[in-house]
Amino acid sequence: MFKQGDAFISYPLRIIYLKQKPFSGETVSVLISVPKKKIKCAVKRNRIKRLIRETYRLNKMSLIQYCREKETNMLIAFIFIGNELSRWKEMEAAMQKAFHILKDKIE
């Protein structure tokens, strides 16, 4: 995915994605990463991962439905690139922007 996939930034997230031909299984697979180099404290890293997971969980159905309609599967990596702990609204906006861009890229 990292070699063949495309990437874009929806601050504070860098999204790397790879479209695949349909196969049996999940339509969207997700990887979440918060680098230790950026966020030293494990408690803060875990908090950011929980924020990313929760915003993804709340918004994922629109992307999954869209992938099913277009009969494609996607591998997606969400990599945190910010330097400090993010707020809920900032992460929610970044996730919605990322989904909007991903839907455009599927077509």
PDB file of N, CA and C in Angstrom:
ATOM      1  N   MET A   1       0.827  -1.187   0.000  1.00  0.00           N
ATOM      2  CA  MET A   1       0.000   0.000   0.000  1.00  0.00           C
ATOM      3  C   MET A   1       0.869   1.249   0.000  1.00  0.00           C
ATOM      4  N   PHE A   2       1.938   1.255   0.781  1.00  0.00           N
ATOM      5  CA  PHE A   2       2.754   2.453   0.898  1.00  0.00           C
ATOM      6  C   PHE A   2       3.554   2.718  -0.376  1.00  0.00           C
ATOM      7  N   LYS A   3       3.905   1.676  -1.127  1.00  0.00           N
ATOM      8  CA  LYS A   3       4.663   1.856  -2.364  1.00  0.00           C
ATOM      9  C   LYS A   3       3.756   2.196  -3.541  1.00  0.00           C
ATOM     10  N   GLN A   4       2.615   1.539  -3.648  1.00  0.00           N
ATOM     11  CA  GLN A   4       1.747   1.691  -4.806  1.00  0.00           C
ATOM     12  C   GLN A   4       0.614   2.688  -4.599  1.00  0.00           C
ATOM     13  N   GLY A   5       0.287   2.990  -3.366  1.00  0.00           N
ATOM     14  CA  GLY A   5      -0.866   3.832  -3.072  1.00  0.00           C
ATOM     15  C   GLY A   5      -0.613   5.306  -3.303  1.00  0.00           C
ATOM     16  N   ASP A   6      -1.694   6.061  -3.327  1.00  0.00           N
ATOM     17  CA  ASP A   6      -1.647   7.521  -3.434  1.00  0.00           C
ATOM     18  C   ASP A   6      -1.888   8.115  -2.055  1.00  0.00           C
ATOM     19  N   ALA A   7      -1.521   9.396  -1.901  1.00  0.00           N
ATOM     20  CA  ALA A   7      -1.655  10.032  -0.590  1.00  0.00           C
ATOM     21  C   ALA A   7      -2.119  11.473  -0.739  1.00  0.00           C
ATOM     22  N   PHE A   8      -2.733  11.965   0.313  1.00  0.00           N
ATOM     23  CA  PHE A   8      -3.101  13.378   0.423  1.00  0.00           C
ATOM     24  C   PHE A   8      -3.162  13.733   1.895  1.00  0.00           C
ATOM     25  N   ILE A   9      -3.240  15.028   2.169  1.00  0.00           N
ATOM     26  CA  ILE A   9      -3.262  15.498   3.558  1.00  0.00           C
ATOM     27  C   ILE A   9      -4.583  16.192   3.848  1.00  0.00           C
ATOM     28  N   SER A  10      -5.179  15.807   4.945  1.00  0.00           N
ATOM     29  CA  SER A  10      -6.333  16.475   5.517  1.00  0.00           C
ATOM     30  C   SER A  10      -5.924  16.759   6.962  1.00  0.00           C
ATOM     31  N   TYR A  11      -5.268  17.884   7.170  1.00  0.00           N
ATOM     32  CA  TYR A  11      -4.594  18.165   8.429  1.00  0.00           C
ATOM     33  C   TYR A  11      -5.524  17.988   9.619  1.00  0.00           C
ATOM     34  N   PRO A  12      -5.129  17.285  10.636  1.00  0.00           N
ATOM     35  CA  PRO A  12      -3.830  16.754  11.031  1.00  0.00           C
ATOM     36  C   PRO A  12      -3.584  15.308  10.609  1.00  0.00           C
ATOM     37  N   LEU A  13      -4.213  14.851   9.535  1.00  0.00           N
ATOM     38  CA  LEU A  13      -4.047  13.476   9.082  1.00  0.00           C
ATOM     39  C   LEU A  13      -3.426  13.429   7.693  1.00  0.00           C
ATOM     40  N   ARG A  14      -2.575  12.443   7.483  1.00  0.00           N
ATOM     41  CA  ARG A  14      -2.090  12.117   6.154  1.00  0.00           C
ATOM     42  C   ARG A  14      -2.761  10.807   5.801  1.00  0.00           C
ATOM     43  N   ILE A  15      -3.429  10.772   4.657  1.00  0.00           N
ATOM     44  CA  ILE A  15      -4.177   9.594   4.263  1.00  0.00           C
ATOM     45  C   ILE A  15      -3.487   8.959   3.065  1.00  0.00           C
ATOM     46  N   ILE A  16      -3.170   7.683   3.200  1.00  0.00           N
ATOM     47  CA  ILE A  16      -2.611   6.900   2.101  1.00  0.00           C
ATOM     48  C   ILE A  16      -3.660   5.855   1.766  1.00  0.00           C
ATOM     49  N   TYR A  17      -3.986   5.720   0.490  1.00  0.00           N
ATOM     50  CA  TYR A  17      -5.037   4.785   0.103  1.00  0.00           C
ATOM     51  C   TYR A  17      -4.619   4.008  -1.135  1.00  0.00           C
ATOM     52  N   LEU A  18      -5.213   2.848  -1.284  1.00  0.00           N
ATOM     53  CA  LEU A  18      -4.980   1.998  -2.433  1.00  0.00           C
ATOM     54  C   LEU A  18      -6.307   1.358  -2.824  1.00  0.00           C
ATOM     55  N   LYS A  19      -6.729   1.605  -4.052  1.00  0.00           N
ATOM     56  CA  LYS A  19      -7.944   0.970  -4.563  1.00  0.00           C
ATOM     57  C   LYS A  19      -7.592  -0.431  -5.035  1.00  0.00           C
ATOM     58  N   GLN A  20      -8.501  -1.372  -4.802  1.00  0.00           N
ATOM     59  CA  GLN A  20      -8.286  -2.748  -5.212  1.00  0.00           C
ATOM     60  C   GLN A  20      -9.500  -3.270  -5.950  1.00  0.00           C
ATOM     61  N   LYS A  21      -9.267  -4.328  -6.702  1.00  0.00           N
ATOM     62  CA  LYS A  21     -10.377  -4.999  -7.354  1.00  0.00           C
ATOM     63  C   LYS A  21     -11.211  -5.691  -6.287  1.00  0.00           C
ATOM     64  N   PRO A  22     -12.508  -5.829  -6.531  1.00  0.00           N
ATOM     65  CA  PRO A  22     -13.376  -6.459  -5.533  1.00  0.00           C
ATOM     66  C   PRO A  22     -12.963  -7.888  -5.217  1.00  0.00           C
ATOM     67  N   PHE A  23     -13.042  -8.234  -3.961  1.00  0.00           N
ATOM     68  CA  PHE A  23     -12.841  -9.600  -3.512  1.00  0.00           C
ATOM     69  C   PHE A  23     -13.746  -9.816  -2.312  1.00  0.00           C
ATOM     70  N   SER A  24     -13.943 -11.058  -1.960  1.00  0.00           N
ATOM     71  CA  SER A  24     -14.815 -11.330  -0.821  1.00  0.00           C
ATOM     72  C   SER A  24     -14.130 -10.860   0.457  1.00  0.00           C
ATOM     73  N   GLY A  25     -14.866 -10.203   1.292  1.00  0.00           N
ATOM     74  CA  GLY A  25     -14.319  -9.675   2.539  1.00  0.00           C
ATOM     75  C   GLY A  25     -14.744  -8.236   2.738  1.00  0.00           C
ATOM     76  N   GLU A  26     -13.998  -7.522   3.551  1.00  0.00           N
ATOM     77  CA  GLU A  26     -14.319  -6.132   3.870  1.00  0.00           C
ATOM     78  C   GLU A  26     -14.100  -5.230   2.662  1.00  0.00           C
ATOM     79  N   THR A  27     -14.966  -4.233   2.508  1.00  0.00           N
ATOM     80  CA  THR A  27     -14.803  -3.279   1.410  1.00  0.00           C
ATOM     81  C   THR A  27     -13.768  -2.222   1.743  1.00  0.00           C
ATOM     82  N   VAL A  28     -13.612  -1.892   3.026  1.00  0.00           N
ATOM     83  CA  VAL A  28     -12.644  -0.887   3.453  1.00  0.00           C
ATOM     84  C   VAL A  28     -11.851  -1.440   4.638  1.00  0.00           C
ATOM     85  N   SER A  29     -10.521  -1.431   4.516  1.00  0.00           N
ATOM     86  CA  SER A  29      -9.644  -1.825   5.614  1.00  0.00           C
ATOM     87  C   SER A  29      -8.842  -0.612   6.041  1.00  0.00           C
ATOM     88  N   VAL A  30      -8.673  -0.434   7.349  1.00  0.00           N
ATOM     89  CA  VAL A  30      -8.080   0.792   7.886  1.00  0.00           C
ATOM     90  C   VAL A  30      -6.881   0.483   8.767  1.00  0.00           C
ATOM     91  N   LEU A  31      -5.871   1.349   8.670  1.00  0.00           N
ATOM     92  CA  LEU A  31      -4.707   1.316   9.542  1.00  0.00           C
ATOM     93  C   LEU A  31      -4.585   2.699  10.176  1.00  0.00           C
ATOM     94  N   ILE A  32      -4.349   2.759  11.473  1.00  0.00           N
ATOM     95  CA  ILE A  32      -4.220   4.036  12.184  1.00  0.00           C
ATOM     96  C   ILE A  32      -2.849   4.083  12.839  1.00  0.00           C
ATOM     97  N   SER A  33      -2.121   5.185  12.606  1.00  0.00           N
ATOM     98  CA  SER A  33      -0.775   5.311  13.146  1.00  0.00           C
ATOM     99  C   SER A  33      -0.552   6.710  13.710  1.00  0.00           C
ATOM    100  N   VAL A  34       0.034   6.752  14.907  1.00  0.00           N
ATOM    101  CA  VAL A  34       0.458   8.008  15.524  1.00  0.00           C
ATOM    102  C   VAL A  34       1.939   7.821  15.868  1.00  0.00           C
ATOM    103  N   PRO A  35       2.836   8.488  15.134  1.00  0.00           N
ATOM    104  CA  PRO A  35       4.270   8.257  15.332  1.00  0.00           C
ATOM    105  C   PRO A  35       4.777   8.704  16.698  1.00  0.00           C
ATOM    106  N   LYS A  36       5.615   7.866  17.287  1.00  0.00           N
ATOM    107  CA  LYS A  36       6.226   8.180  18.568  1.00  0.00           C
ATOM    108  C   LYS A  36       7.175   9.366  18.434  1.00  0.00           C
ATOM    109  N   LYS A  37       7.720   9.562  17.258  1.00  0.00           N
ATOM    110  CA  LYS A  37       8.628  10.686  17.008  1.00  0.00           C
ATOM    111  C   LYS A  37       7.905  12.025  17.165  1.00  0.00           C
ATOM    112  N   LYS A  38       6.627  12.077  16.780  1.00  0.00           N
ATOM    113  CA  LYS A  38       5.843  13.317  16.894  1.00  0.00           C
ATOM    114  C   LYS A  38       5.258  13.503  18.289  1.00  0.00           C
ATOM    115  N   ILE A  39       4.642  12.444  18.825  1.00  0.00           N
ATOM    116  CA  ILE A  39       3.971  12.494  20.127  1.00  0.00           C
ATOM    117  C   ILE A  39       4.687  11.514  21.055  1.00  0.00           C
ATOM    118  N   LYS A  40       5.482  12.039  21.972  1.00  0.00           N
ATOM    119  CA  LYS A  40       6.320  11.199  22.842  1.00  0.00           C
ATOM    120  C   LYS A  40       5.514  10.428  23.886  1.00  0.00           C
ATOM    121  N   CYS A  41       4.552  11.079  24.479  1.00  0.00           N
ATOM    122  CA  CYS A  41       3.785  10.498  25.581  1.00  0.00           C
ATOM    123  C   CYS A  41       2.782   9.454  25.064  1.00  0.00           C
ATOM    124  N   ALA A  42       2.870   8.227  25.584  1.00  0.00           N
ATOM    125  CA  ALA A  42       2.007   7.135  25.141  1.00  0.00           C
ATOM    126  C   ALA A  42       0.532   7.431  25.412  1.00  0.00           C
ATOM    127  N   VAL A  43       0.252   8.101  26.522  1.00  0.00           N
ATOM    128  CA  VAL A  43      -1.131   8.425  26.867  1.00  0.00           C
ATOM    129  C   VAL A  43      -1.744   9.336  25.796  1.00  0.00           C
ATOM    130  N   LYS A  44      -0.982  10.318  25.341  1.00  0.00           N
ATOM    131  CA  LYS A  44      -1.468  11.228  24.294  1.00  0.00           C
ATOM    132  C   LYS A  44      -1.603  10.498  22.955  1.00  0.00           C
ATOM    133  N   ARG A  45      -0.652   9.620  22.638  1.00  0.00           N
ATOM    134  CA  ARG A  45      -0.745   8.848  21.396  1.00  0.00           C
ATOM    135  C   ARG A  45      -2.002   7.991  21.383  1.00  0.00           C
ATOM    136  N   ASN A  46      -2.282   7.342  22.500  1.00  0.00           N
ATOM    137  CA  ASN A  46      -3.477   6.505  22.596  1.00  0.00           C
ATOM    138  C   ASN A  46      -4.748   7.338  22.500  1.00  0.00           C
ATOM    139  N   ARG A  47      -4.747   8.507  23.085  1.00  0.00           N
ATOM    140  CA  ARG A  47      -5.902   9.409  23.007  1.00  0.00           C
ATOM    141  C   ARG A  47      -6.173   9.812  21.551  1.00  0.00           C
ATOM    142  N   ILE A  48      -5.113  10.132  20.825  1.00  0.00           N
ATOM    143  CA  ILE A  48      -5.263  10.520  19.422  1.00  0.00           C
ATOM    144  C   ILE A  48      -5.782   9.339  18.598  1.00  0.00           C
ATOM    145  N   LYS A  49      -5.261   8.146  18.854  1.00  0.00           N
ATOM    146  CA  LYS A  49      -5.747   6.960  18.138  1.00  0.00           C
ATOM    147  C   LYS A  49      -7.223   6.715  18.411  1.00  0.00           C
ATOM    148  N   ARG A  50      -7.638   6.910  19.673  1.00  0.00           N
ATOM    149  CA  ARG A  50      -9.067   6.753  20.004  1.00  0.00           C
ATOM    150  C   ARG A  50      -9.914   7.788  19.277  1.00  0.00           C
ATOM    151  N   LEU A  51      -9.422   9.020  19.186  1.00  0.00           N
ATOM    152  CA  LEU A  51     -10.150  10.063  18.452  1.00  0.00           C
ATOM    153  C   LEU A  51     -10.305   9.690  16.977  1.00  0.00           C
ATOM    154  N   ILE A  52      -9.231   9.222  16.373  1.00  0.00           N
ATOM    155  CA  ILE A  52      -9.281   8.842  14.960  1.00  0.00           C
ATOM    156  C   ILE A  52     -10.244   7.675  14.759  1.00  0.00           C
ATOM    157  N   ARG A  53     -10.139   6.658  15.614  1.00  0.00           N
ATOM    158  CA  ARG A  53     -11.042   5.505  15.511  1.00  0.00           C
ATOM    159  C   ARG A  53     -12.506   5.910  15.647  1.00  0.00           C
ATOM    160  N   GLU A  54     -12.787   6.761  16.615  1.00  0.00           N
ATOM    161  CA  GLU A  54     -14.184   7.159  16.859  1.00  0.00           C
ATOM    162  C   GLU A  54     -14.733   8.005  15.711  1.00  0.00           C
ATOM    163  N   THR A  55     -13.949   8.942  15.209  1.00  0.00           N
ATOM    164  CA  THR A  55     -14.440   9.753  14.079  1.00  0.00           C
ATOM    165  C   THR A  55     -14.610   8.884  12.839  1.00  0.00           C
ATOM    166  N   TYR A  56     -13.739   7.895  12.659  1.00  0.00           N
ATOM    167  CA  TYR A  56     -13.903   6.965  11.543  1.00  0.00           C
ATOM    168  C   TYR A  56     -15.180   6.140  11.727  1.00  0.00           C
ATOM    169  N   ARG A  57     -15.383   5.631  12.932  1.00  0.00           N
ATOM    170  CA  ARG A  57     -16.559   4.794  13.205  1.00  0.00           C
ATOM    171  C   ARG A  57     -17.867   5.531  12.926  1.00  0.00           C
ATOM    172  N   LEU A  58     -17.918   6.799  13.304  1.00  0.00           N
ATOM    173  CA  LEU A  58     -19.137   7.577  13.127  1.00  0.00           C
ATOM    174  C   LEU A  58     -19.405   7.959  11.671  1.00  0.00           C
ATOM    175  N   ASN A  59     -18.371   7.994  10.843  1.00  0.00           N
ATOM    176  CA  ASN A  59     -18.534   8.455   9.465  1.00  0.00           C
ATOM    177  C   ASN A  59     -18.326   7.377   8.410  1.00  0.00           C
ATOM    178  N   LYS A  60     -17.980   6.162   8.807  1.00  0.00           N
ATOM    179  CA  LYS A  60     -17.553   5.147   7.850  1.00  0.00           C
ATOM    180  C   LYS A  60     -18.658   4.636   6.927  1.00  0.00           C
ATOM    181  N   MET A  61     -19.897   4.658   7.357  1.00  0.00           N
ATOM    182  CA  MET A  61     -20.964   4.059   6.551  1.00  0.00           C
ATOM    183  C   MET A  61     -21.115   4.725   5.194  1.00  0.00           C
ATOM    184  N   SER A  62     -20.916   6.029   5.127  1.00  0.00           N
ATOM    185  CA  SER A  62     -21.046   6.703   3.834  1.00  0.00           C
ATOM    186  C   SER A  62     -19.969   6.221   2.864  1.00  0.00           C
ATOM    187  N   LEU A  63     -18.751   6.027   3.340  1.00  0.00           N
ATOM    188  CA  LEU A  63     -17.658   5.552   2.489  1.00  0.00           C
ATOM    189  C   LEU A  63     -17.862   4.090   2.101  1.00  0.00           C
ATOM    190  N   ILE A  64     -18.291   3.263   3.034  1.00  0.00           N
ATOM    191  CA  ILE A  64     -18.511   1.849   2.741  1.00  0.00           C
ATOM    192  C   ILE A  64     -19.619   1.678   1.711  1.00  0.00           C
ATOM    193  N   GLN A  65     -20.707   2.414   1.878  1.00  0.00           N
ATOM    194  CA  GLN A  65     -21.809   2.360   0.909  1.00  0.00           C
ATOM    195  C   GLN A  65     -21.341   2.771  -0.482  1.00  0.00           C
ATOM    196  N   TYR A  66     -20.537   3.838  -0.524  1.00  0.00           N
ATOM    197  CA  TYR A  66     -20.039   4.347  -1.799  1.00  0.00           C
ATOM    198  C   TYR A  66     -19.124   3.314  -2.465  1.00  0.00           C
ATOM    199  N   CYS A  67     -18.270   2.649  -1.693  1.00  0.00           N
ATOM    200  CA  CYS A  67     -17.389   1.611  -2.243  1.00  0.00           C
ATOM    201  C   CYS A  67     -18.198   0.429  -2.771  1.00  0.00           C
ATOM    202  N   ARG A  68     -19.257   0.076  -2.078  1.00  0.00           N
ATOM    203  CA  ARG A  68     -20.108  -1.025  -2.539  1.00  0.00           C
ATOM    204  C   ARG A  68     -20.803  -0.667  -3.844  1.00  0.00           C
ATOM    205  N   GLU A  69     -21.279   0.589  -3.945  1.00  0.00           N
ATOM    206  CA  GLU A  69     -21.927   1.030  -5.177  1.00  0.00           C
ATOM    207  C   GLU A  69     -20.966   0.992  -6.358  1.00  0.00           C
ATOM    208  N   LYS A  70     -19.743   1.399  -6.137  1.00  0.00           N
ATOM    209  CA  LYS A  70     -18.729   1.438  -7.195  1.00  0.00           C
ATOM    210  C   LYS A  70     -18.010   0.103  -7.366  1.00  0.00           C
ATOM    211  N   GLU A  71     -18.353  -0.881  -6.537  1.00  0.00           N
ATOM    212  CA  GLU A  71     -17.775  -2.218  -6.567  1.00  0.00           C
ATOM    213  C   GLU A  71     -16.242  -2.175  -6.519  1.00  0.00           C
ATOM    214  N   THR A  72     -15.736  -1.516  -5.505  1.00  0.00           N
ATOM    215  CA  THR A  72     -14.294  -1.429  -5.294  1.00  0.00           C
ATOM    216  C   THR A  72     -13.986  -1.596  -3.816  1.00  0.00           C
ATOM    217  N   ASN A  73     -12.781  -2.016  -3.523  1.00  0.00           N
ATOM    218  CA  ASN A  73     -12.306  -2.146  -2.150  1.00  0.00           C
ATOM    219  C   ASN A  73     -11.167  -1.165  -1.943  1.00  0.00           C
ATOM    220  N   MET A  74     -10.971  -0.729  -0.715  1.00  0.00           N
ATOM    221  CA  MET A  74      -9.919   0.228  -0.429  1.00  0.00           C
ATOM    222  C   MET A  74      -9.147  -0.173   0.819  1.00  0.00           C
ATOM    223  N   LEU A  75      -7.847   0.059   0.762  1.00  0.00           N
ATOM    224  CA  LEU A  75      -6.995  -0.011   1.932  1.00  0.00           C
ATOM    225  C   LEU A  75      -6.650   1.432   2.274  1.00  0.00           C
ATOM    226  N   ILE A  76      -6.859   1.831   3.524  1.00  0.00           N
ATOM    227  CA  ILE A  76      -6.641   3.216   3.922  1.00  0.00           C
ATOM    228  C   ILE A  76      -5.768   3.262   5.169  1.00  0.00           C
ATOM    229  N   ALA A  77      -4.770   4.142   5.155  1.00  0.00           N
ATOM    230  CA  ALA A  77      -3.923   4.379   6.327  1.00  0.00           C
ATOM    231  C   ALA A  77      -4.124   5.822   6.769  1.00  0.00           C
ATOM    232  N   PHE A  78      -4.482   6.011   8.027  1.00  0.00           N
ATOM    233  CA  PHE A  78      -4.591   7.342   8.622  1.00  0.00           C
ATOM    234  C   PHE A  78      -3.357   7.549   9.491  1.00  0.00           C
ATOM    235  N   ILE A  79      -2.509   8.493   9.108  1.00  0.00           N
ATOM    236  CA  ILE A  79      -1.282   8.763   9.839  1.00  0.00           C
ATOM    237  C   ILE A  79      -1.368  10.173  10.405  1.00  0.00           C
ATOM    238  N   PHE A  80      -1.216  10.293  11.703  1.00  0.00           N
ATOM    239  CA  PHE A  80      -1.302  11.589  12.378  1.00  0.00           C
ATOM    240  C   PHE A  80      -0.007  12.361  12.122  1.00  0.00           C
ATOM    241  N   ILE A  81      -0.124  13.601  11.635  1.00  0.00           N
ATOM    242  CA  ILE A  81       1.060  14.403  11.341  1.00  0.00           C
ATOM    243  C   ILE A  81       1.127  15.677  12.169  1.00  0.00           C
ATOM    244  N   GLY A  82       0.173  15.885  13.052  1.00  0.00           N
ATOM    245  CA  GLY A  82       0.176  17.071  13.909  1.00  0.00           C
ATOM    246  C   GLY A  82       1.253  16.972  14.982  1.00  0.00           C
ATOM    247  N   ASN A  83       1.502  18.079  15.653  1.00  0.00           N
ATOM    248  CA  ASN A  83       2.514  18.119  16.703  1.00  0.00           C
ATOM    249  C   ASN A  83       1.932  18.136  18.109  1.00  0.00           C
ATOM    250  N   GLU A  84       0.623  18.254  18.208  1.00  0.00           N
ATOM    251  CA  GLU A  84      -0.006  18.335  19.517  1.00  0.00           C
ATOM    252  C   GLU A  84      -1.342  17.620  19.500  1.00  0.00           C
ATOM    253  N   LEU A  85      -1.903  17.416  20.670  1.00  0.00           N
ATOM    254  CA  LEU A  85      -3.184  16.746  20.829  1.00  0.00           C
ATOM    255  C   LEU A  85      -4.276  17.516  20.094  1.00  0.00           C
ATOM    256  N   SER A  86      -5.069  16.825  19.295  1.00  0.00           N
ATOM    257  CA  SER A  86      -6.127  17.457  18.512  1.00  0.00           C
ATOM    258  C   SER A  86      -7.445  17.467  19.267  1.00  0.00           C
ATOM    259  N   ARG A  87      -8.281  18.384  18.915  1.00  0.00           N
ATOM    260  CA  ARG A  87      -9.631  18.472  19.470  1.00  0.00           C
ATOM    261  C   ARG A  87     -10.582  17.628  18.617  1.00  0.00           C
ATOM    262  N   TRP A  88     -11.727  17.282  19.220  1.00  0.00           N
ATOM    263  CA  TRP A  88     -12.733  16.465  18.539  1.00  0.00           C
ATOM    264  C   TRP A  88     -13.196  17.119  17.241  1.00  0.00           C
ATOM    265  N   LYS A  89     -13.531  18.391  17.283  1.00  0.00           N
ATOM    266  CA  LYS A  89     -14.064  19.076  16.098  1.00  0.00           C
ATOM    267  C   LYS A  89     -13.045  19.112  14.964  1.00  0.00           C
ATOM    268  N   GLU A  90     -11.795  19.317  15.314  1.00  0.00           N
ATOM    269  CA  GLU A  90     -10.739  19.352  14.300  1.00  0.00           C
ATOM    270  C   GLU A  90     -10.584  17.978  13.636  1.00  0.00           C
ATOM    271  N   MET A  91     -10.599  16.926  14.431  1.00  0.00           N
ATOM    272  CA  MET A  91     -10.458  15.573  13.898  1.00  0.00           C
ATOM    273  C   MET A  91     -11.681  15.176  13.077  1.00  0.00           C
ATOM    274  N   GLU A  92     -12.866  15.560  13.540  1.00  0.00           N
ATOM    275  CA  GLU A  92     -14.106  15.267  12.816  1.00  0.00           C
ATOM    276  C   GLU A  92     -14.099  15.952  11.449  1.00  0.00           C
ATOM    277  N   ALA A  93     -13.699  17.206  11.406  1.00  0.00           N
ATOM    278  CA  ALA A  93     -13.629  17.944  10.143  1.00  0.00           C
ATOM    279  C   ALA A  93     -12.600  17.327   9.202  1.00  0.00           C
ATOM    280  N   ALA A  94     -11.471  16.925   9.734  1.00  0.00           N
ATOM    281  CA  ALA A  94     -10.426  16.300   8.913  1.00  0.00           C
ATOM    282  C   ALA A  94     -10.920  14.974   8.326  1.00  0.00           C
ATOM    283  N   MET A  95     -11.630  14.187   9.132  1.00  0.00           N
ATOM    284  CA  MET A  95     -12.132  12.896   8.672  1.00  0.00           C
ATOM    285  C   MET A  95     -13.193  13.079   7.586  1.00  0.00           C
ATOM    286  N   GLN A  96     -14.095  14.034   7.763  1.00  0.00           N
ATOM    287  CA  GLN A  96     -15.123  14.271   6.759  1.00  0.00           C
ATOM    288  C   GLN A  96     -14.515  14.773   5.451  1.00  0.00           C
ATOM    289  N   LYS A  97     -13.530  15.641   5.551  1.00  0.00           N
ATOM    290  CA  LYS A  97     -12.829  16.126   4.363  1.00  0.00           C
ATOM    291  C   LYS A  97     -12.122  14.968   3.663  1.00  0.00           C
ATOM    292  N   ALA A  98     -11.486  14.097   4.448  1.00  0.00           N
ATOM    293  CA  ALA A  98     -10.791  12.943   3.875  1.00  0.00           C
ATOM    294  C   ALA A  98     -11.768  12.023   3.149  1.00  0.00           C
ATOM    295  N   PHE A  99     -12.921  11.767   3.728  1.00  0.00           N
ATOM    296  CA  PHE A  99     -13.911  10.905   3.079  1.00  0.00           C
ATOM    297  C   PHE A  99     -14.416  11.526   1.785  1.00  0.00           C
ATOM    298  N   HIS A 100     -14.605  12.831   1.792  1.00  0.00           N
ATOM    299  CA  HIS A 100     -15.049  13.526   0.587  1.00  0.00           C
ATOM    300  C   HIS A 100     -14.006  13.373  -0.526  1.00  0.00           C
ATOM    301  N   ILE A 101     -12.746  13.545  -0.197  1.00  0.00           N
ATOM    302  CA  ILE A 101     -11.673  13.400  -1.182  1.00  0.00           C
ATOM    303  C   ILE A 101     -11.566  11.947  -1.655  1.00  0.00           C
ATOM    304  N   LEU A 102     -11.694  10.982  -0.732  1.00  0.00           N
ATOM    305  CA  LEU A 102     -11.629   9.573  -1.108  1.00  0.00           C
ATOM    306  C   LEU A 102     -12.759   9.198  -2.072  1.00  0.00           C
ATOM    307  N   LYS A 103     -13.934   9.728  -1.832  1.00  0.00           N
ATOM    308  CA  LYS A 103     -15.060   9.437  -2.742  1.00  0.00           C
ATOM    309  C   LYS A 103     -14.775   9.983  -4.134  1.00  0.00           C
ATOM    310  N   ASP A 104     -14.163  11.172  -4.222  1.00  0.00           N
ATOM    311  CA  ASP A 104     -13.790  11.733  -5.517  1.00  0.00           C
ATOM    312  C   ASP A 104     -12.747  10.869  -6.213  1.00  0.00           C
ATOM    313  N   LYS A 105     -11.819  10.296  -5.455  1.00  0.00           N
ATOM    314  CA  LYS A 105     -10.731   9.488  -6.023  1.00  0.00           C
ATOM    315  C   LYS A 105     -11.235   8.130  -6.507  1.00  0.00           C
ATOM    316  N   ILE A 106     -12.316   7.622  -5.954  1.00  0.00           N
ATOM    317  CA  ILE A 106     -12.837   6.321  -6.359  1.00  0.00           C
ATOM    318  C   ILE A 106     -13.362   6.369  -7.792  1.00  0.00           C
ATOM    319  N   GLU A 107     -13.939   7.472  -8.167  1.00  0.00           N
ATOM    320  CA  GLU A 107     -14.562   7.583  -9.500  1.00  0.00           C
ATOM    321  C   GLU A 107     -13.586   7.501 -10.623  1.00  0.00           C
TER     322      GLU A 107
END
